[in-house]
Amino acid sequence: IERAGRSKVNALLHDRQGLSELNTYT
């Protein structure tokens, strides 16, 4: 994601945004 230039690390958003932080489910 970082290499593809799609990271949200420097975005203004402060809630869970990184892939590892997202709540995903089957």
mmCIF file of all heavy atoms, coordinates in Angstrom:
data_MODEL
# 
_entry.id   MODEL 
# 
loop_
_atom_site.group_PDB 
_atom_site.id 
_atom_site.type_symbol 
_atom_site.label_atom_id 
_atom_site.label_alt_id 
_atom_site.label_comp_id 
_atom_site.label_asym_id 
_atom_site.label_entity_id 
_atom_site.label_seq_id 
_atom_site.pdbx_PDB_ins_code 
_atom_site.Cartn_x 
_atom_site.Cartn_y 
_atom_site.Cartn_z 
_atom_site.occupancy 
_atom_site.B_iso_or_equiv 
_atom_site.pdbx_formal_charge 
_atom_site.auth_seq_id 
_atom_site.auth_comp_id 
_atom_site.auth_asym_id 
_atom_site.auth_atom_id 
_atom_site.pdbx_PDB_model_num 
ATOM 1   N N   . ILE A 1 1  ? 0.838   -1.208  0.000  1.00 0.00 ? 1  ILE A N   1 
ATOM 2   C CA  . ILE A 1 1  ? 0.000   0.000   0.000  1.00 0.00 ? 1  ILE A CA  1 
ATOM 3   C C   . ILE A 1 1  ? 0.870   1.253   0.000  1.00 0.00 ? 1  ILE A C   1 
ATOM 4   O O   . ILE A 1 1  ? 0.618   2.208   -0.738 1.00 0.00 ? 1  ILE A O   1 
ATOM 5   C CB  . ILE A 1 1  ? -0.952  -0.013  1.212  1.00 0.00 ? 1  ILE A CB  1 
ATOM 6   C CG1 . ILE A 1 1  ? -2.019  -1.093  1.024  1.00 0.00 ? 1  ILE A CG1 1 
ATOM 7   C CG2 . ILE A 1 1  ? -1.608  1.350   1.414  1.00 0.00 ? 1  ILE A CG2 1 
ATOM 8   C CD1 . ILE A 1 1  ? -2.820  -1.387  2.273  1.00 0.00 ? 1  ILE A CD1 1 
ATOM 9   N N   . GLU A 1 2  ? 1.918   1.238   0.806  1.00 0.00 ? 2  GLU A N   1 
ATOM 10  C CA  . GLU A 1 2  ? 2.835   2.387   0.863  1.00 0.00 ? 2  GLU A CA  1 
ATOM 11  C C   . GLU A 1 2  ? 3.538   2.576   -0.473 1.00 0.00 ? 2  GLU A C   1 
ATOM 12  O O   . GLU A 1 2  ? 3.634   3.706   -0.986 1.00 0.00 ? 2  GLU A O   1 
ATOM 13  C CB  . GLU A 1 2  ? 3.853   2.155   1.984  1.00 0.00 ? 2  GLU A CB  1 
ATOM 14  C CG  . GLU A 1 2  ? 4.861   3.277   2.168  1.00 0.00 ? 2  GLU A CG  1 
ATOM 15  C CD  . GLU A 1 2  ? 4.244   4.541   2.736  1.00 0.00 ? 2  GLU A CD  1 
ATOM 16  O OE1 . GLU A 1 2  ? 3.282   4.427   3.515  1.00 0.00 ? 2  GLU A OE1 1 
ATOM 17  O OE2 . GLU A 1 2  ? 4.726   5.639   2.388  1.00 0.00 ? 2  GLU A OE2 1 
ATOM 18  N N   . ARG A 1 3  ? 4.017   1.487   -1.052 1.00 0.00 ? 3  ARG A N   1 
ATOM 19  C CA  . ARG A 1 3  ? 4.724   1.565   -2.337 1.00 0.00 ? 3  ARG A CA  1 
ATOM 20  C C   . ARG A 1 3  ? 3.795   2.027   -3.456 1.00 0.00 ? 3  ARG A C   1 
ATOM 21  O O   . ARG A 1 3  ? 4.237   2.690   -4.401 1.00 0.00 ? 3  ARG A O   1 
ATOM 22  C CB  . ARG A 1 3  ? 5.302   0.200   -2.698 1.00 0.00 ? 3  ARG A CB  1 
ATOM 23  C CG  . ARG A 1 3  ? 6.388   -0.296  -1.752 1.00 0.00 ? 3  ARG A CG  1 
ATOM 24  C CD  . ARG A 1 3  ? 7.713   0.377   -1.986 1.00 0.00 ? 3  ARG A CD  1 
ATOM 25  N NE  . ARG A 1 3  ? 8.302   0.003   -3.274 1.00 0.00 ? 3  ARG A NE  1 
ATOM 26  C CZ  . ARG A 1 3  ? 9.462   0.449   -3.721 1.00 0.00 ? 3  ARG A CZ  1 
ATOM 27  N NH1 . ARG A 1 3  ? 10.145  1.324   -2.994 1.00 0.00 ? 3  ARG A NH1 1 
ATOM 28  N NH2 . ARG A 1 3  ? 9.931   0.058   -4.886 1.00 0.00 ? 3  ARG A NH2 1 
ATOM 29  N N   . ALA A 1 4  ? 2.519   1.694   -3.340 1.00 0.00 ? 4  ALA A N   1 
ATOM 30  C CA  . ALA A 1 4  ? 1.547   2.099   -4.359 1.00 0.00 ? 4  ALA A CA  1 
ATOM 31  C C   . ALA A 1 4  ? 1.096   3.546   -4.178 1.00 0.00 ? 4  ALA A C   1 
ATOM 32  O O   . ALA A 1 4  ? 0.330   4.055   -5.003 1.00 0.00 ? 4  ALA A O   1 
ATOM 33  C CB  . ALA A 1 4  ? 0.335   1.171   -4.320 1.00 0.00 ? 4  ALA A CB  1 
ATOM 34  N N   . GLY A 1 5  ? 1.562   4.214   -3.123 1.00 0.00 ? 5  GLY A N   1 
ATOM 35  C CA  . GLY A 1 5  ? 1.193   5.603   -2.878 1.00 0.00 ? 5  GLY A CA  1 
ATOM 36  C C   . GLY A 1 5  ? -0.224  5.777   -2.370 1.00 0.00 ? 5  GLY A C   1 
ATOM 37  O O   . GLY A 1 5  ? -0.829  6.840   -2.543 1.00 0.00 ? 5  GLY A O   1 
ATOM 38  N N   . ARG A 1 6  ? -0.749  4.757   -1.708 1.00 0.00 ? 6  ARG A N   1 
ATOM 39  C CA  . ARG A 1 6  ? -2.143  4.811   -1.278 1.00 0.00 ? 6  ARG A CA  1 
ATOM 40  C C   . ARG A 1 6  ? -2.302  4.810   0.234  1.00 0.00 ? 6  ARG A C   1 
ATOM 41  O O   . ARG A 1 6  ? -3.405  4.656   0.760  1.00 0.00 ? 6  ARG A O   1 
ATOM 42  C CB  . ARG A 1 6  ? -2.924  3.650   -1.890 1.00 0.00 ? 6  ARG A CB  1 
ATOM 43  C CG  . ARG A 1 6  ? -2.858  3.675   -3.403 1.00 0.00 ? 6  ARG A CG  1 
ATOM 44  C CD  . ARG A 1 6  ? -3.756  2.670   -4.074 1.00 0.00 ? 6  ARG A CD  1 
ATOM 45  N NE  . ARG A 1 6  ? -3.581  2.722   -5.527 1.00 0.00 ? 6  ARG A NE  1 
ATOM 46  C CZ  . ARG A 1 6  ? -4.323  2.070   -6.395 1.00 0.00 ? 6  ARG A CZ  1 
ATOM 47  N NH1 . ARG A 1 6  ? -5.299  1.297   -5.962 1.00 0.00 ? 6  ARG A NH1 1 
ATOM 48  N NH2 . ARG A 1 6  ? -4.106  2.183   -7.698 1.00 0.00 ? 6  ARG A NH2 1 
ATOM 49  N N   . SER A 1 7  ? -1.218  4.996   0.954  1.00 0.00 ? 7  SER A N   1 
ATOM 50  C CA  . SER A 1 7  ? -1.287  5.028   2.404  1.00 0.00 ? 7  SER A CA  1 
ATOM 51  C C   . SER A 1 7  ? -2.029  6.274   2.880  1.00 0.00 ? 7  SER A C   1 
ATOM 52  O O   . SER A 1 7  ? -1.930  7.341   2.277  1.00 0.00 ? 7  SER A O   1 
ATOM 53  C CB  . SER A 1 7  ? 0.122   5.002   2.996  1.00 0.00 ? 7  SER A CB  1 
ATOM 54  O OG  . SER A 1 7  ? 0.078   5.164   4.405  1.00 0.00 ? 7  SER A OG  1 
ATOM 55  N N   . LYS A 1 8  ? -2.756  6.131   3.989  1.00 0.00 ? 8  LYS A N   1 
ATOM 56  C CA  . LYS A 1 8  ? -3.471  7.263   4.584  1.00 0.00 ? 8  LYS A CA  1 
ATOM 57  C C   . LYS A 1 8  ? -2.794  7.748   5.864  1.00 0.00 ? 8  LYS A C   1 
ATOM 58  O O   . LYS A 1 8  ? -3.392  8.489   6.651  1.00 0.00 ? 8  LYS A O   1 
ATOM 59  C CB  . LYS A 1 8  ? -4.914  6.848   4.884  1.00 0.00 ? 8  LYS A CB  1 
ATOM 60  C CG  . LYS A 1 8  ? -5.674  6.404   3.637  1.00 0.00 ? 8  LYS A CG  1 
ATOM 61  C CD  . LYS A 1 8  ? -7.092  5.988   3.960  1.00 0.00 ? 8  LYS A CD  1 
ATOM 62  C CE  . LYS A 1 8  ? -7.795  5.463   2.715  1.00 0.00 ? 8  LYS A CE  1 
ATOM 63  N NZ  . LYS A 1 8  ? -9.186  5.057   2.976  1.00 0.00 ? 8  LYS A NZ  1 
ATOM 64  N N   . VAL A 1 9  ? -1.524  7.362   6.039  1.00 0.00 ? 9  VAL A N   1 
ATOM 65  C CA  . VAL A 1 9  ? -0.804  7.681   7.267  1.00 0.00 ? 9  VAL A CA  1 
ATOM 66  C C   . VAL A 1 9  ? -0.752  9.174   7.511  1.00 0.00 ? 9  VAL A C   1 
ATOM 67  O O   . VAL A 1 9  ? -0.900  9.647   8.641  1.00 0.00 ? 9  VAL A O   1 
ATOM 68  C CB  . VAL A 1 9  ? 0.627   7.100   7.219  1.00 0.00 ? 9  VAL A CB  1 
ATOM 69  C CG1 . VAL A 1 9  ? 1.466   7.619   8.383  1.00 0.00 ? 9  VAL A CG1 1 
ATOM 70  C CG2 . VAL A 1 9  ? 0.581   5.577   7.237  1.00 0.00 ? 9  VAL A CG2 1 
ATOM 71  N N   . ASN A 1 10 ? -0.551  9.967   6.478  1.00 0.00 ? 10 ASN A N   1 
ATOM 72  C CA  . ASN A 1 10 ? -0.419  11.416  6.648  1.00 0.00 ? 10 ASN A CA  1 
ATOM 73  C C   . ASN A 1 10 ? -1.721  12.168  6.404  1.00 0.00 ? 10 ASN A C   1 
ATOM 74  O O   . ASN A 1 10 ? -1.726  13.399  6.306  1.00 0.00 ? 10 ASN A O   1 
ATOM 75  C CB  . ASN A 1 10 ? 0.663   11.945  5.694  1.00 0.00 ? 10 ASN A CB  1 
ATOM 76  C CG  . ASN A 1 10 ? 2.039   11.401  6.031  1.00 0.00 ? 10 ASN A CG  1 
ATOM 77  O OD1 . ASN A 1 10 ? 2.407   11.320  7.195  1.00 0.00 ? 10 ASN A OD1 1 
ATOM 78  N ND2 . ASN A 1 10 ? 2.790   11.004  5.015  1.00 0.00 ? 10 ASN A ND2 1 
ATOM 79  N N   . ALA A 1 11 ? -2.833  11.445  6.322  1.00 0.00 ? 11 ALA A N   1 
ATOM 80  C CA  . ALA A 1 11 ? -4.128  12.094  6.126  1.00 0.00 ? 11 ALA A CA  1 
ATOM 81  C C   . ALA A 1 11 ? -4.585  12.740  7.425  1.00 0.00 ? 11 ALA A C   1 
ATOM 82  O O   . ALA A 1 11 ? -4.066  12.459  8.517  1.00 0.00 ? 11 ALA A O   1 
ATOM 83  C CB  . ALA A 1 11 ? -5.151  11.081  5.653  1.00 0.00 ? 11 ALA A CB  1 
ATOM 84  N N   . LEU A 1 12 ? -5.579  13.607  7.329  1.00 0.00 ? 12 LEU A N   1 
ATOM 85  C CA  . LEU A 1 12 ? -6.127  14.269  8.517  1.00 0.00 ? 12 LEU A CA  1 
ATOM 86  C C   . LEU A 1 12 ? -6.982  13.327  9.354  1.00 0.00 ? 12 LEU A C   1 
ATOM 87  O O   . LEU A 1 12 ? -7.275  13.623  10.512 1.00 0.00 ? 12 LEU A O   1 
ATOM 88  C CB  . LEU A 1 12 ? -6.975  15.474  8.098  1.00 0.00 ? 12 LEU A CB  1 
ATOM 89  C CG  . LEU A 1 12 ? -6.231  16.637  7.435  1.00 0.00 ? 12 LEU A CG  1 
ATOM 90  C CD1 . LEU A 1 12 ? -7.221  17.723  7.019  1.00 0.00 ? 12 LEU A CD1 1 
ATOM 91  C CD2 . LEU A 1 12 ? -5.196  17.217  8.379  1.00 0.00 ? 12 LEU A CD2 1 
ATOM 92  N N   . LEU A 1 13 ? -7.382  12.220  8.784  1.00 0.00 ? 13 LEU A N   1 
ATOM 93  C CA  . LEU A 1 13 ? -8.267  11.287  9.481  1.00 0.00 ? 13 LEU A CA  1 
ATOM 94  C C   . LEU A 1 13 ? -7.560  10.685  10.696 1.00 0.00 ? 13 LEU A C   1 
ATOM 95  O O   . LEU A 1 13 ? -6.419  10.230  10.603 1.00 0.00 ? 13 LEU A O   1 
ATOM 96  C CB  . LEU A 1 13 ? -8.704  10.176  8.530  1.00 0.00 ? 13 LEU A CB  1 
ATOM 97  C CG  . LEU A 1 13 ? -9.482  10.654  7.296  1.00 0.00 ? 13 LEU A CG  1 
ATOM 98  C CD1 . LEU A 1 13 ? -9.495  9.580   6.236  1.00 0.00 ? 13 LEU A CD1 1 
ATOM 99  C CD2 . LEU A 1 13 ? -10.891 11.066  7.686  1.00 0.00 ? 13 LEU A CD2 1 
ATOM 100 N N   . HIS A 1 14 ? -8.277  10.653  11.825 1.00 0.00 ? 14 HIS A N   1 
ATOM 101 C CA  . HIS A 1 14 ? -7.686  10.145  13.057 1.00 0.00 ? 14 HIS A CA  1 
ATOM 102 C C   . HIS A 1 14 ? -8.336  8.848   13.537 1.00 0.00 ? 14 HIS A C   1 
ATOM 103 O O   . HIS A 1 14 ? -7.918  8.286   14.541 1.00 0.00 ? 14 HIS A O   1 
ATOM 104 C CB  . HIS A 1 14 ? -7.789  11.204  14.170 1.00 0.00 ? 14 HIS A CB  1 
ATOM 105 C CG  . HIS A 1 14 ? -7.016  12.448  13.879 1.00 0.00 ? 14 HIS A CG  1 
ATOM 106 N ND1 . HIS A 1 14 ? -5.650  12.463  13.703 1.00 0.00 ? 14 HIS A ND1 1 
ATOM 107 C CD2 . HIS A 1 14 ? -7.423  13.733  13.701 1.00 0.00 ? 14 HIS A CD2 1 
ATOM 108 C CE1 . HIS A 1 14 ? -5.234  13.691  13.449 1.00 0.00 ? 14 HIS A CE1 1 
ATOM 109 N NE2 . HIS A 1 14 ? -6.290  14.488  13.440 1.00 0.00 ? 14 HIS A NE2 1 
ATOM 110 N N   . ASP A 1 15 ? -9.377  8.387   12.847 1.00 0.00 ? 15 ASP A N   1 
ATOM 111 C CA  . ASP A 1 15 ? -9.940  7.098   13.228 1.00 0.00 ? 15 ASP A CA  1 
ATOM 112 C C   . ASP A 1 15 ? -9.146  5.992   12.540 1.00 0.00 ? 15 ASP A C   1 
ATOM 113 O O   . ASP A 1 15 ? -8.159  6.248   11.861 1.00 0.00 ? 15 ASP A O   1 
ATOM 114 C CB  . ASP A 1 15 ? -11.430 7.021   12.877 1.00 0.00 ? 15 ASP A CB  1 
ATOM 115 C CG  . ASP A 1 15 ? -11.727 7.468   11.450 1.00 0.00 ? 15 ASP A CG  1 
ATOM 116 O OD1 . ASP A 1 15 ? -10.771 7.792   10.741 1.00 0.00 ? 15 ASP A OD1 1 
ATOM 117 O OD2 . ASP A 1 15 ? -12.908 7.496   11.070 1.00 0.00 ? 15 ASP A OD2 1 
ATOM 118 N N   . ARG A 1 16 ? -9.548  4.778   12.712 1.00 0.00 ? 16 ARG A N   1 
ATOM 119 C CA  . ARG A 1 16 ? -8.778  3.636   12.206 1.00 0.00 ? 16 ARG A CA  1 
ATOM 120 C C   . ARG A 1 16 ? -8.848  3.614   10.690 1.00 0.00 ? 16 ARG A C   1 
ATOM 121 O O   . ARG A 1 16 ? -9.905  3.412   10.115 1.00 0.00 ? 16 ARG A O   1 
ATOM 122 C CB  . ARG A 1 16 ? -9.350  2.350   12.803 1.00 0.00 ? 16 ARG A CB  1 
ATOM 123 C CG  . ARG A 1 16 ? -9.284  2.307   14.319 1.00 0.00 ? 16 ARG A CG  1 
ATOM 124 C CD  . ARG A 1 16 ? -10.230 1.275   14.896 1.00 0.00 ? 16 ARG A CD  1 
ATOM 125 N NE  . ARG A 1 16 ? -9.828  -0.076  14.569 1.00 0.00 ? 16 ARG A NE  1 
ATOM 126 C CZ  . ARG A 1 16 ? -9.105  -0.855  15.374 1.00 0.00 ? 16 ARG A CZ  1 
ATOM 127 N NH1 . ARG A 1 16 ? -8.698  -0.403  16.542 1.00 0.00 ? 16 ARG A NH1 1 
ATOM 128 N NH2 . ARG A 1 16 ? -8.798  -2.079  15.021 1.00 0.00 ? 16 ARG A NH2 1 
ATOM 129 N N   . GLN A 1 17 ? -7.711  3.811   10.035 1.00 0.00 ? 17 GLN A N   1 
ATOM 130 C CA  . GLN A 1 17 ? -7.668  3.907   8.577  1.00 0.00 ? 17 GLN A CA  1 
ATOM 131 C C   . GLN A 1 17 ? -6.714  2.913   7.933  1.00 0.00 ? 17 GLN A C   1 
ATOM 132 O O   . GLN A 1 17 ? -6.932  2.495   6.810  1.00 0.00 ? 17 GLN A O   1 
ATOM 133 C CB  . GLN A 1 17 ? -7.268  5.334   8.163  1.00 0.00 ? 17 GLN A CB  1 
ATOM 134 C CG  . GLN A 1 17 ? -8.307  6.387   8.499  1.00 0.00 ? 17 GLN A CG  1 
ATOM 135 C CD  . GLN A 1 17 ? -9.539  6.292   7.637  1.00 0.00 ? 17 GLN A CD  1 
ATOM 136 O OE1 . GLN A 1 17 ? -9.479  5.872   6.491  1.00 0.00 ? 17 GLN A OE1 1 
ATOM 137 N NE2 . GLN A 1 17 ? -10.680 6.696   8.170  1.00 0.00 ? 17 GLN A NE2 1 
ATOM 138 N N   . GLY A 1 18 ? -5.624  2.573   8.625  1.00 0.00 ? 18 GLY A N   1 
ATOM 139 C CA  . GLY A 1 18 ? -4.673  1.625   8.068  1.00 0.00 ? 18 GLY A CA  1 
ATOM 140 C C   . GLY A 1 18 ? -5.305  0.248   7.899  1.00 0.00 ? 18 GLY A C   1 
ATOM 141 O O   . GLY A 1 18 ? -6.198  -0.136  8.664  1.00 0.00 ? 18 GLY A O   1 
ATOM 142 N N   . LEU A 1 19 ? -4.854  -0.498  6.908  1.00 0.00 ? 19 LEU A N   1 
ATOM 143 C CA  . LEU A 1 19 ? -5.421  -1.812  6.637  1.00 0.00 ? 19 LEU A CA  1 
ATOM 144 C C   . LEU A 1 19 ? -5.390  -2.706  7.874  1.00 0.00 ? 19 LEU A C   1 
ATOM 145 O O   . LEU A 1 19 ? -6.338  -3.435  8.153  1.00 0.00 ? 19 LEU A O   1 
ATOM 146 C CB  . LEU A 1 19 ? -4.681  -2.483  5.476  1.00 0.00 ? 19 LEU A CB  1 
ATOM 147 C CG  . LEU A 1 19 ? -5.235  -3.827  5.017  1.00 0.00 ? 19 LEU A CG  1 
ATOM 148 C CD1 . LEU A 1 19 ? -6.611  -3.650  4.384  1.00 0.00 ? 19 LEU A CD1 1 
ATOM 149 C CD2 . LEU A 1 19 ? -4.287  -4.507  4.038  1.00 0.00 ? 19 LEU A CD2 1 
ATOM 150 N N   . SER A 1 20 ? -4.302  -2.642  8.617  1.00 0.00 ? 20 SER A N   1 
ATOM 151 C CA  . SER A 1 20 ? -4.166  -3.486  9.797  1.00 0.00 ? 20 SER A CA  1 
ATOM 152 C C   . SER A 1 20 ? -5.109  -3.074  10.912 1.00 0.00 ? 20 SER A C   1 
ATOM 153 O O   . SER A 1 20 ? -5.381  -3.855  11.824 1.00 0.00 ? 20 SER A O   1 
ATOM 154 C CB  . SER A 1 20 ? -2.721  -3.443  10.317 1.00 0.00 ? 20 SER A CB  1 
ATOM 155 O OG  . SER A 1 20 ? -1.828  -3.904  9.328  1.00 0.00 ? 20 SER A OG  1 
ATOM 156 N N   . GLU A 1 21 ? -5.600  -1.838  10.866 1.00 0.00 ? 21 GLU A N   1 
ATOM 157 C CA  . GLU A 1 21 ? -6.488  -1.336  11.916 1.00 0.00 ? 21 GLU A CA  1 
ATOM 158 C C   . GLU A 1 21 ? -7.962  -1.547  11.590 1.00 0.00 ? 21 GLU A C   1 
ATOM 159 O O   . GLU A 1 21 ? -8.807  -1.523  12.484 1.00 0.00 ? 21 GLU A O   1 
ATOM 160 C CB  . GLU A 1 21 ? -6.255  0.158   12.116 1.00 0.00 ? 21 GLU A CB  1 
ATOM 161 C CG  . GLU A 1 21 ? -4.860  0.535   12.560 1.00 0.00 ? 21 GLU A CG  1 
ATOM 162 C CD  . GLU A 1 21 ? -4.683  2.048   12.609 1.00 0.00 ? 21 GLU A CD  1 
ATOM 163 O OE1 . GLU A 1 21 ? -5.030  2.731   11.631 1.00 0.00 ? 21 GLU A OE1 1 
ATOM 164 O OE2 . GLU A 1 21 ? -4.199  2.538   13.649 1.00 0.00 ? 21 GLU A OE2 1 
ATOM 165 N N   . LEU A 1 22 ? -8.282  -1.730  10.327 1.00 0.00 ? 22 LEU A N   1 
ATOM 166 C CA  . LEU A 1 22 ? -9.679  -1.816  9.933  1.00 0.00 ? 22 LEU A CA  1 
ATOM 167 C C   . LEU A 1 22 ? -10.357 -3.053  10.520 1.00 0.00 ? 22 LEU A C   1 
ATOM 168 O O   . LEU A 1 22 ? -9.756  -4.125  10.601 1.00 0.00 ? 22 LEU A O   1 
ATOM 169 C CB  . LEU A 1 22 ? -9.790  -1.862  8.407  1.00 0.00 ? 22 LEU A CB  1 
ATOM 170 C CG  . LEU A 1 22 ? -9.366  -0.620  7.636  1.00 0.00 ? 22 LEU A CG  1 
ATOM 171 C CD1 . LEU A 1 22 ? -9.427  -0.880  6.137  1.00 0.00 ? 22 LEU A CD1 1 
ATOM 172 C CD2 . LEU A 1 22 ? -10.222 0.584   8.002  1.00 0.00 ? 22 LEU A CD2 1 
ATOM 173 N N   . ASN A 1 23 ? -11.597 -2.882  10.923 1.00 0.00 ? 23 ASN A N   1 
ATOM 174 C CA  . ASN A 1 23 ? -12.402 -4.011  11.375 1.00 0.00 ? 23 ASN A CA  1 
ATOM 175 C C   . ASN A 1 23 ? -13.045 -4.659  10.152 1.00 0.00 ? 23 ASN A C   1 
ATOM 176 O O   . ASN A 1 23 ? -13.978 -4.108  9.568  1.00 0.00 ? 23 ASN A O   1 
ATOM 177 C CB  . ASN A 1 23 ? -13.500 -3.528  12.328 1.00 0.00 ? 23 ASN A CB  1 
ATOM 178 C CG  . ASN A 1 23 ? -12.949 -2.815  13.536 1.00 0.00 ? 23 ASN A CG  1 
ATOM 179 O OD1 . ASN A 1 23 ? -12.058 -3.331  14.208 1.00 0.00 ? 23 ASN A OD1 1 
ATOM 180 N ND2 . ASN A 1 23 ? -13.454 -1.620  13.812 1.00 0.00 ? 23 ASN A ND2 1 
ATOM 181 N N   . THR A 1 24 ? -12.515 -5.790  9.742  1.00 0.00 ? 24 THR A N   1 
ATOM 182 C CA  . THR A 1 24 ? -13.081 -6.527  8.615  1.00 0.00 ? 24 THR A CA  1 
ATOM 183 C C   . THR A 1 24 ? -13.531 -7.901  9.094  1.00 0.00 ? 24 THR A C   1 
ATOM 184 O O   . THR A 1 24 ? -12.994 -8.438  10.064 1.00 0.00 ? 24 THR A O   1 
ATOM 185 C CB  . THR A 1 24 ? -12.067 -6.687  7.471  1.00 0.00 ? 24 THR A CB  1 
ATOM 186 O OG1 . THR A 1 24 ? -10.919 -7.384  7.961  1.00 0.00 ? 24 THR A OG1 1 
ATOM 187 C CG2 . THR A 1 24 ? -11.623 -5.320  6.941  1.00 0.00 ? 24 THR A CG2 1 
ATOM 188 N N   . TYR A 1 25 ? -14.526 -8.443  8.418  1.00 0.00 ? 25 TYR A N   1 
ATOM 189 C CA  . TYR A 1 25 ? -15.124 -9.708  8.837  1.00 0.00 ? 25 TYR A CA  1 
ATOM 190 C C   . TYR A 1 25 ? -15.399 -10.585 7.630  1.00 0.00 ? 25 TYR A C   1 
ATOM 191 O O   . TYR A 1 25 ? -15.662 -10.086 6.532  1.00 0.00 ? 25 TYR A O   1 
ATOM 192 C CB  . TYR A 1 25 ? -16.463 -9.466  9.556  1.00 0.00 ? 25 TYR A CB  1 
ATOM 193 C CG  . TYR A 1 25 ? -16.360 -8.704  10.853 1.00 0.00 ? 25 TYR A CG  1 
ATOM 194 C CD1 . TYR A 1 25 ? -16.386 -7.313  10.869 1.00 0.00 ? 25 TYR A CD1 1 
ATOM 195 C CD2 . TYR A 1 25 ? -16.262 -9.375  12.070 1.00 0.00 ? 25 TYR A CD2 1 
ATOM 196 C CE1 . TYR A 1 25 ? -16.313 -6.599  12.060 1.00 0.00 ? 25 TYR A CE1 1 
ATOM 197 C CE2 . TYR A 1 25 ? -16.193 -8.677  13.272 1.00 0.00 ? 25 TYR A CE2 1 
ATOM 198 C CZ  . TYR A 1 25 ? -16.215 -7.293  13.258 1.00 0.00 ? 25 TYR A CZ  1 
ATOM 199 O OH  . TYR A 1 25 ? -16.138 -6.597  14.437 1.00 0.00 ? 25 TYR A OH  1 
ATOM 200 N N   . THR A 1 26 ? -15.384 -11.894 7.833  1.00 0.00 ? 26 THR A N   1 
ATOM 201 C CA  . THR A 1 26 ? -16.038 -12.782 6.887  1.00 0.00 ? 26 THR A CA  1 
ATOM 202 C C   . THR A 1 26 ? -17.538 -12.683 7.166  1.00 0.00 ? 26 THR A C   1 
ATOM 203 O O   . THR A 1 26 ? -17.964 -12.201 8.226  1.00 0.00 ? 26 THR A O   1 
ATOM 204 C CB  . THR A 1 26 ? -15.582 -14.234 7.054  1.00 0.00 ? 26 THR A CB  1 
ATOM 205 O OG1 . THR A 1 26 ? -16.024 -14.727 8.340  1.00 0.00 ? 26 THR A OG1 1 
ATOM 206 C CG2 . THR A 1 26 ? -14.054 -14.342 6.972  1.00 0.00 ? 26 THR A CG2 1 
# 
